[in-house]
């Protein structure tokens, strides 16, 4: 992720990282934005992110990983 954040062309770097474009990513550079990746990862660990996507409701409810909308919407409405 740091390679994407530090790339001159972040859109192309993300496409390469996802495999939708051919190419290689440059070595992870040290840039101001690289700290955002570390900060986000640490925050996720502190608040209990265990899957992708991770959703949090206004009352602190947590949904780790994919939840089908048929299950998610009723749970959000009752909150």
PDB file of N, CA and C in Angstrom:
ATOM      1  N   UNK A   1       0.821  -1.191   0.000  1.00  0.00           N
ATOM      2  CA  UNK A   1       0.000   0.000   0.000  1.00  0.00           C
ATOM      3  C   UNK A   1       0.867   1.258   0.000  1.00  0.00           C
ATOM      4  N   UNK A   2       1.991   1.178   0.678  1.00  0.00           N
ATOM      5  CA  UNK A   2       2.880   2.338   0.686  1.00  0.00           C
ATOM      6  C   UNK A   2       3.377   2.642  -0.727  1.00  0.00           C
ATOM      7  N   UNK A   3       3.587   1.599  -1.523  1.00  0.00           N
ATOM      8  CA  UNK A   3       4.027   1.806  -2.897  1.00  0.00           C
ATOM      9  C   UNK A   3       2.982   2.587  -3.679  1.00  0.00           C
ATOM     10  N   UNK A   4       1.710   2.337  -3.409  1.00  0.00           N
ATOM     11  CA  UNK A   4       0.630   3.064  -4.082  1.00  0.00           C
ATOM     12  C   UNK A   4       0.588   4.505  -3.584  1.00  0.00           C
ATOM     13  N   UNK A   5       0.610   4.702  -2.286  1.00  0.00           N
ATOM     14  CA  UNK A   5       0.524   6.056  -1.723  1.00  0.00           C
ATOM     15  C   UNK A   5       1.695   6.930  -2.138  1.00  0.00           C
ATOM     16  N   UNK A   6       2.868   6.329  -2.312  1.00  0.00           N
ATOM     17  CA  UNK A   6       4.061   7.114  -2.637  1.00  0.00           C
ATOM     18  C   UNK A   6       4.304   7.240  -4.139  1.00  0.00           C
ATOM     19  N   UNK A   7       3.513   6.582  -4.953  1.00  0.00           N
ATOM     20  CA  UNK A   7       3.711   6.623  -6.408  1.00  0.00           C
ATOM     21  C   UNK A   7       3.343   7.989  -6.966  1.00  0.00           C
ATOM     22  N   UNK A   8       4.039   8.374  -8.016  1.00  0.00           N
ATOM     23  CA  UNK A   8       3.722   9.635  -8.694  1.00  0.00           C
ATOM     24  C   UNK A   8       2.329   9.551  -9.321  1.00  0.00           C
ATOM     25  N   UNK A   9       1.986   8.387  -9.880  1.00  0.00           N
ATOM     26  CA  UNK A   9       0.660   8.165 -10.468  1.00  0.00           C
ATOM     27  C   UNK A   9      -0.050   7.121  -9.614  1.00  0.00           C
ATOM     28  N   UNK A  10      -0.751   7.594  -8.587  1.00  0.00           N
ATOM     29  CA  UNK A  10      -1.394   6.684  -7.641  1.00  0.00           C
ATOM     30  C   UNK A  10      -2.484   5.832  -8.288  1.00  0.00           C
ATOM     31  N   UNK A  11      -3.206   6.393  -9.236  1.00  0.00           N
ATOM     32  CA  UNK A  11      -4.266   5.635  -9.898  1.00  0.00           C
ATOM     33  C   UNK A  11      -3.681   4.440 -10.645  1.00  0.00           C
ATOM     34  N   UNK A  12      -2.615   4.660 -11.394  1.00  0.00           N
ATOM     35  CA  UNK A  12      -1.983   3.559 -12.112  1.00  0.00           C
ATOM     36  C   UNK A  12      -1.370   2.571 -11.137  1.00  0.00           C
ATOM     37  N   UNK A  13      -0.752   3.066 -10.087  1.00  0.00           N
ATOM     38  CA  UNK A  13      -0.152   2.180  -9.092  1.00  0.00           C
ATOM     39  C   UNK A  13      -1.213   1.293  -8.443  1.00  0.00           C
ATOM     40  N   UNK A  14      -2.386   1.845  -8.153  1.00  0.00           N
ATOM     41  CA  UNK A  14      -3.464   1.048  -7.571  1.00  0.00           C
ATOM     42  C   UNK A  14      -3.947  -0.005  -8.563  1.00  0.00           C
ATOM     43  N   UNK A  15      -4.047   0.369  -9.814  1.00  0.00           N
ATOM     44  CA  UNK A  15      -4.463  -0.591 -10.840  1.00  0.00           C
ATOM     45  C   UNK A  15      -3.459  -1.730 -10.963  1.00  0.00           C
ATOM     46  N   UNK A  16      -2.183  -1.421 -10.906  1.00  0.00           N
ATOM     47  CA  UNK A  16      -1.153  -2.455 -10.950  1.00  0.00           C
ATOM     48  C   UNK A  16      -1.249  -3.333  -9.708  1.00  0.00           C
ATOM     49  N   UNK A  17      -1.427  -2.722  -8.549  1.00  0.00           N
ATOM     50  CA  UNK A  17      -1.518  -3.481  -7.297  1.00  0.00           C
ATOM     51  C   UNK A  17      -2.718  -4.423  -7.303  1.00  0.00           C
ATOM     52  N   UNK A  18      -3.826  -4.002  -7.900  1.00  0.00           N
ATOM     53  CA  UNK A  18      -5.032  -4.840  -7.965  1.00  0.00           C
ATOM     54  C   UNK A  18      -4.956  -5.865  -9.084  1.00  0.00           C
ATOM     55  N   UNK A  19      -3.982  -5.696  -9.987  1.00  0.00           N
ATOM     56  CA  UNK A  19      -3.837  -6.648 -11.083  1.00  0.00           C
ATOM     57  C   UNK A  19      -4.668  -6.321 -12.306  1.00  0.00           C
ATOM     58  N   UNK A  20      -5.298  -5.157 -12.328  1.00  0.00           N
ATOM     59  CA  UNK A  20      -6.104  -4.789 -13.493  1.00  0.00           C
ATOM     60  C   UNK A  20      -5.276  -4.094 -14.571  1.00  0.00           C
ATOM     61  N   UNK A  21      -4.046  -3.750 -14.252  1.00  0.00           N
ATOM     62  CA  UNK A  21      -3.085  -3.199 -15.218  1.00  0.00           C
ATOM     63  C   UNK A  21      -1.777  -3.956 -15.064  1.00  0.00           C
ATOM     64  N   UNK A  22      -1.073  -4.104 -16.177  1.00  0.00           N
ATOM     65  CA  UNK A  22       0.236  -4.750 -16.139  1.00  0.00           C
ATOM     66  C   UNK A  22       1.284  -3.727 -15.739  1.00  0.00           C
ATOM     67  N   UNK A  23       2.287  -4.182 -15.088  1.00  0.00           N
ATOM     68  CA  UNK A  23       3.371  -3.295 -14.704  1.00  0.00           C
ATOM     69  C   UNK A  23       3.941  -3.722 -13.374  1.00  0.00           C
ATOM     70  N   UNK A  24       4.904  -2.978 -12.923  1.00  0.00           N
ATOM     71  CA  UNK A  24       5.496  -3.269 -11.628  1.00  0.00           C
ATOM     72  C   UNK A  24       5.516  -1.992 -10.811  1.00  0.00           C
ATOM     73  N   UNK A  25       5.469  -2.168  -9.536  1.00  0.00           N
ATOM     74  CA  UNK A  25       5.497  -1.031  -8.623  1.00  0.00           C
ATOM     75  C   UNK A  25       6.927  -0.768  -8.186  1.00  0.00           C
ATOM     76  N   UNK A  26       7.256   0.488  -8.098  1.00  0.00           N
ATOM     77  CA  UNK A  26       8.586   0.865  -7.638  1.00  0.00           C
ATOM     78  C   UNK A  26       8.738   0.472  -6.174  1.00  0.00           C
ATOM     79  N   UNK A  27       9.946   0.372  -5.739  1.00  0.00           N
ATOM     80  CA  UNK A  27      10.208   0.069  -4.333  1.00  0.00           C
ATOM     81  C   UNK A  27       9.510   1.107  -3.464  1.00  0.00           C
ATOM     82  N   UNK A  28       9.066   0.666  -2.303  1.00  0.00           N
ATOM     83  CA  UNK A  28       8.383   1.593  -1.394  1.00  0.00           C
ATOM     84  C   UNK A  28       9.326   2.731  -1.038  1.00  0.00           C
ATOM     85  N   UNK A  29       8.883   3.903  -1.346  1.00  0.00           N
ATOM     86  CA  UNK A  29       9.678   5.086  -1.059  1.00  0.00           C
ATOM     87  C   UNK A  29       9.249   5.652   0.291  1.00  0.00           C
ATOM     88  N   UNK A  30      10.091   6.448   0.823  1.00  0.00           N
ATOM     89  CA  UNK A  30       9.713   7.169   2.029  1.00  0.00           C
ATOM     90  C   UNK A  30       9.100   8.481   1.570  1.00  0.00           C
ATOM     91  N   UNK A  31       7.873   8.674   1.911  1.00  0.00           N
ATOM     92  CA  UNK A  31       7.192   9.917   1.566  1.00  0.00           C
ATOM     93  C   UNK A  31       6.267  10.271   2.720  1.00  0.00           C
ATOM     94  N   UNK A  32       5.796  11.483   2.726  1.00  0.00           N
ATOM     95  CA  UNK A  32       4.919  11.920   3.814  1.00  0.00           C
ATOM     96  C   UNK A  32       3.668  11.063   3.908  1.00  0.00           C
ATOM     97  N   UNK A  33       3.147  10.619   2.767  1.00  0.00           N
ATOM     98  CA  UNK A  33       1.902   9.847   2.754  1.00  0.00           C
ATOM     99  C   UNK A  33       2.071   8.434   3.291  1.00  0.00           C
ATOM    100  N   UNK A  34       3.282   7.893   3.280  1.00  0.00           N
ATOM    101  CA  UNK A  34       3.501   6.529   3.761  1.00  0.00           C
ATOM    102  C   UNK A  34       3.075   6.381   5.216  1.00  0.00           C
ATOM    103  N   UNK A  35       3.205   7.422   6.000  1.00  0.00           N
ATOM    104  CA  UNK A  35       2.815   7.353   7.415  1.00  0.00           C
ATOM    105  C   UNK A  35       1.318   7.131   7.558  1.00  0.00           C
ATOM    106  N   UNK A  36       0.515   7.590   6.590  1.00  0.00           N
ATOM    107  CA  UNK A  36      -0.937   7.382   6.645  1.00  0.00           C
ATOM    108  C   UNK A  36      -1.274   5.894   6.613  1.00  0.00           C
ATOM    109  N   UNK A  37      -0.512   5.126   5.845  1.00  0.00           N
ATOM    110  CA  UNK A  37      -0.749   3.680   5.767  1.00  0.00           C
ATOM    111  C   UNK A  37      -0.496   3.048   7.137  1.00  0.00           C
ATOM    112  N   UNK A  38       0.644   3.377   7.742  1.00  0.00           N
ATOM    113  CA  UNK A  38       0.954   2.829   9.074  1.00  0.00           C
ATOM    114  C   UNK A  38      -0.074   3.267  10.111  1.00  0.00           C
ATOM    115  N   UNK A  39      -0.458   4.542  10.075  1.00  0.00           N
ATOM    116  CA  UNK A  39      -1.433   5.060  11.039  1.00  0.00           C
ATOM    117  C   UNK A  39      -2.779   4.368  10.896  1.00  0.00           C
ATOM    118  N   UNK A  40      -3.226   4.183   9.646  1.00  0.00           N
ATOM    119  CA  UNK A  40      -4.505   3.514   9.405  1.00  0.00           C
ATOM    120  C   UNK A  40      -4.490   2.075   9.869  1.00  0.00           C
ATOM    121  N   UNK A  41      -3.390   1.386   9.634  1.00  0.00           N
ATOM    122  CA  UNK A  41      -3.264  -0.003  10.064  1.00  0.00           C
ATOM    123  C   UNK A  41      -3.318  -0.103  11.585  1.00  0.00           C
ATOM    124  N   UNK A  42      -2.583   0.767  12.260  1.00  0.00           N
ATOM    125  CA  UNK A  42      -2.577   0.749  13.731  1.00  0.00           C
ATOM    126  C   UNK A  42      -3.947   1.094  14.301  1.00  0.00           C
ATOM    127  N   UNK A  43      -4.614   2.074  13.712  1.00  0.00           N
ATOM    128  CA  UNK A  43      -5.962   2.429  14.166  1.00  0.00           C
ATOM    129  C   UNK A  43      -6.910   1.254  13.984  1.00  0.00           C
ATOM    130  N   UNK A  44      -6.848   0.613  12.841  1.00  0.00           N
ATOM    131  CA  UNK A  44      -7.694  -0.556  12.599  1.00  0.00           C
ATOM    132  C   UNK A  44      -7.478  -1.634  13.641  1.00  0.00           C
ATOM    133  N   UNK A  45      -6.237  -1.879  13.994  1.00  0.00           N
ATOM    134  CA  UNK A  45      -5.942  -2.871  15.039  1.00  0.00           C
ATOM    135  C   UNK A  45      -6.533  -2.456  16.379  1.00  0.00           C
ATOM    136  N   UNK A  46      -6.427  -1.175  16.719  1.00  0.00           N
ATOM    137  CA  UNK A  46      -6.928  -0.696  18.013  1.00  0.00           C
ATOM    138  C   UNK A  46      -8.439  -0.805  18.130  1.00  0.00           C
ATOM    139  N   UNK A  47      -9.151  -0.566  17.031  1.00  0.00           N
ATOM    140  CA  UNK A  47     -10.620  -0.587  17.111  1.00  0.00           C
ATOM    141  C   UNK A  47     -11.213  -1.931  16.725  1.00  0.00           C
ATOM    142  N   UNK A  48     -10.374  -2.910  16.410  1.00  0.00           N
ATOM    143  CA  UNK A  48     -10.866  -4.267  16.207  1.00  0.00           C
ATOM    144  C   UNK A  48     -11.241  -4.635  14.782  1.00  0.00           C
ATOM    145  N   UNK A  49     -10.683  -3.974  13.799  1.00  0.00           N
ATOM    146  CA  UNK A  49     -10.945  -4.368  12.412  1.00  0.00           C
ATOM    147  C   UNK A  49     -10.327  -5.740  12.188  1.00  0.00           C
ATOM    148  N   UNK A  50     -11.162  -6.675  11.737  1.00  0.00           N
ATOM    149  CA  UNK A  50     -10.706  -8.048  11.522  1.00  0.00           C
ATOM    150  C   UNK A  50     -11.012  -8.540  10.120  1.00  0.00           C
ATOM    151  N   UNK A  51     -11.662  -7.739   9.313  1.00  0.00           N
ATOM    152  CA  UNK A  51     -12.015  -8.171   7.969  1.00  0.00           C
ATOM    153  C   UNK A  51     -12.234  -6.985   7.067  1.00  0.00           C
ATOM    154  N   UNK A  52     -12.369  -7.280   5.799  1.00  0.00           N
ATOM    155  CA  UNK A  52     -12.629  -6.244   4.806  1.00  0.00           C
ATOM    156  C   UNK A  52     -13.882  -6.640   4.054  1.00  0.00           C
ATOM    157  N   UNK A  53     -14.843  -5.775   3.983  1.00  0.00           N
ATOM    158  CA  UNK A  53     -14.882  -4.452   4.577  1.00  0.00           C
ATOM    159  C   UNK A  53     -15.176  -4.536   6.077  1.00  0.00           C
ATOM    160  N   UNK A  54     -14.950  -3.444   6.743  1.00  0.00           N
ATOM    161  CA  UNK A  54     -15.292  -3.322   8.159  1.00  0.00           C
ATOM    162  C   UNK A  54     -16.209  -2.112   8.290  1.00  0.00           C
ATOM    163  N   UNK A  55     -17.382  -2.326   8.831  1.00  0.00           N
ATOM    164  CA  UNK A  55     -18.362  -1.254   9.012  1.00  0.00           C
ATOM    165  C   UNK A  55     -18.624  -1.061  10.493  1.00  0.00           C
ATOM    166  N   UNK A  56     -18.824   0.191  10.867  1.00  0.00           N
ATOM    167  CA  UNK A  56     -19.145   0.524  12.248  1.00  0.00           C
ATOM    168  C   UNK A  56     -20.402   1.378  12.249  1.00  0.00           C
ATOM    169  N   UNK A  57     -21.350   1.036  13.104  1.00  0.00           N
ATOM    170  CA  UNK A  57     -22.583   1.810  13.211  1.00  0.00           C
ATOM    171  C   UNK A  57     -22.379   2.938  14.218  1.00  0.00           C
ATOM    172  N   UNK A  58     -23.314   3.862  14.235  1.00  0.00           N
ATOM    173  CA  UNK A  58     -23.196   5.025  15.117  1.00  0.00           C
ATOM    174  C   UNK A  58     -23.234   4.648  16.595  1.00  0.00           C
ATOM    175  N   UNK A  59     -23.801   3.487  16.925  1.00  0.00           N
ATOM    176  CA  UNK A  59     -23.848   3.075  18.327  1.00  0.00           C
ATOM    177  C   UNK A  59     -22.689   2.156  18.711  1.00  0.00           C
ATOM    178  N   UNK A  60     -21.707   2.040  17.817  1.00  0.00           N
ATOM    179  CA  UNK A  60     -20.532   1.232  18.117  1.00  0.00           C
ATOM    180  C   UNK A  60     -20.601  -0.194  17.632  1.00  0.00           C
ATOM    181  N   UNK A  61     -21.700  -0.571  16.983  1.00  0.00           N
ATOM    182  CA  UNK A  61     -21.790  -1.913  16.423  1.00  0.00           C
ATOM    183  C   UNK A  61     -20.731  -2.114  15.352  1.00  0.00           C
ATOM    184  N   UNK A  62     -20.241  -3.333  15.235  1.00  0.00           N
ATOM    185  CA  UNK A  62     -19.152  -3.624  14.310  1.00  0.00           C
ATOM    186  C   UNK A  62     -19.548  -4.785  13.405  1.00  0.00           C
ATOM    187  N   UNK A  63     -19.283  -4.629  12.127  1.00  0.00           N
ATOM    188  CA  UNK A  63     -19.545  -5.670  11.144  1.00  0.00           C
ATOM    189  C   UNK A  63     -18.235  -5.928  10.405  1.00  0.00           C
ATOM    190  N   UNK A  64     -17.590  -7.043  10.709  1.00  0.00           N
ATOM    191  CA  UNK A  64     -16.337  -7.398  10.054  1.00  0.00           C
ATOM    192  C   UNK A  64     -16.617  -8.315   8.875  1.00  0.00           C
ATOM    193  N   UNK A  65     -16.077  -7.962   7.737  1.00  0.00           N
ATOM    194  CA  UNK A  65     -16.253  -8.787   6.553  1.00  0.00           C
ATOM    195  C   UNK A  65     -17.574  -8.502   5.867  1.00  0.00           C
ATOM    196  N   UNK A  66     -17.797  -9.200   4.785  1.00  0.00           N
ATOM    197  CA  UNK A  66     -18.990  -8.996   3.974  1.00  0.00           C
ATOM    198  C   UNK A  66     -20.233  -9.474   4.719  1.00  0.00           C
ATOM    199  N   UNK A  67     -21.246  -8.650   4.727  1.00  0.00           N
ATOM    200  CA  UNK A  67     -22.550  -9.015   5.278  1.00  0.00           C
ATOM    201  C   UNK A  67     -23.570  -8.735   4.183  1.00  0.00           C
ATOM    202  N   UNK A  68     -24.334  -9.739   3.747  1.00  0.00           N
ATOM    203  CA  UNK A  68     -25.342  -9.493   2.707  1.00  0.00           C
ATOM    204  C   UNK A  68     -26.310  -8.397   3.149  1.00  0.00           C
ATOM    205  N   UNK A  69     -26.723  -7.579   2.194  1.00  0.00           N
ATOM    206  CA  UNK A  69     -27.588  -6.440   2.535  1.00  0.00           C
ATOM    207  C   UNK A  69     -28.882  -6.886   3.197  1.00  0.00           C
ATOM    208  N   UNK A  70     -29.361  -8.085   2.868  1.00  0.00           N
ATOM    209  CA  UNK A  70     -30.599  -8.576   3.475  1.00  0.00           C
ATOM    210  C   UNK A  70     -30.446  -8.736   4.985  1.00  0.00           C
ATOM    211  N   UNK A  71     -29.235  -8.971   5.450  1.00  0.00           N
ATOM    212  CA  UNK A  71     -28.971  -9.085   6.885  1.00  0.00           C
ATOM    213  C   UNK A  71     -28.511  -7.751   7.474  1.00  0.00           C
ATOM    214  N   UNK A  72     -27.730  -7.002   6.707  1.00  0.00           N
ATOM    215  CA  UNK A  72     -27.156  -5.754   7.212  1.00  0.00           C
ATOM    216  C   UNK A  72     -28.207  -4.683   7.460  1.00  0.00           C
ATOM    217  N   UNK A  73     -29.078  -4.449   6.495  1.00  0.00           N
ATOM    218  CA  UNK A  73     -30.063  -3.364   6.618  1.00  0.00           C
ATOM    219  C   UNK A  73     -30.958  -3.540   7.839  1.00  0.00           C
ATOM    220  N   UNK A  74     -31.542  -4.709   8.071  1.00  0.00           N
ATOM    221  CA  UNK A  74     -32.370  -4.855   9.282  1.00  0.00           C
ATOM    222  C   UNK A  74     -31.581  -4.602  10.567  1.00  0.00           C
ATOM    223  N   UNK A  75     -30.324  -5.026  10.597  1.00  0.00           N
ATOM    224  CA  UNK A  75     -29.533  -4.798  11.803  1.00  0.00           C
ATOM    225  C   UNK A  75     -29.258  -3.317  12.011  1.00  0.00           C
ATOM    226  N   UNK A  76     -29.033  -2.576  10.933  1.00  0.00           N
ATOM    227  CA  UNK A  76     -28.794  -1.147  11.053  1.00  0.00           C
ATOM    228  C   UNK A  76     -30.049  -0.379  11.410  1.00  0.00           C
ATOM    229  N   UNK A  77     -31.194  -0.791  10.873  1.00  0.00           N
ATOM    230  CA  UNK A  77     -32.463  -0.100  11.141  1.00  0.00           C
ATOM    231  C   UNK A  77     -32.868  -0.243  12.611  1.00  0.00           C
ATOM    232  N   UNK A  78     -32.651  -1.401  13.206  1.00  0.00           N
ATOM    233  CA  UNK A  78     -33.073  -1.580  14.611  1.00  0.00           C
ATOM    234  C   UNK A  78     -32.180  -0.833  15.588  1.00  0.00           C
ATOM    235  N   UNK A  79     -31.091  -0.274  15.091  1.00  0.00           N
ATOM    236  CA  UNK A  79     -30.214   0.486  15.968  1.00  0.00           C
ATOM    237  C   UNK A  79     -30.715   1.878  15.977  1.00  0.00           C
TER     238      UNK A  79
END
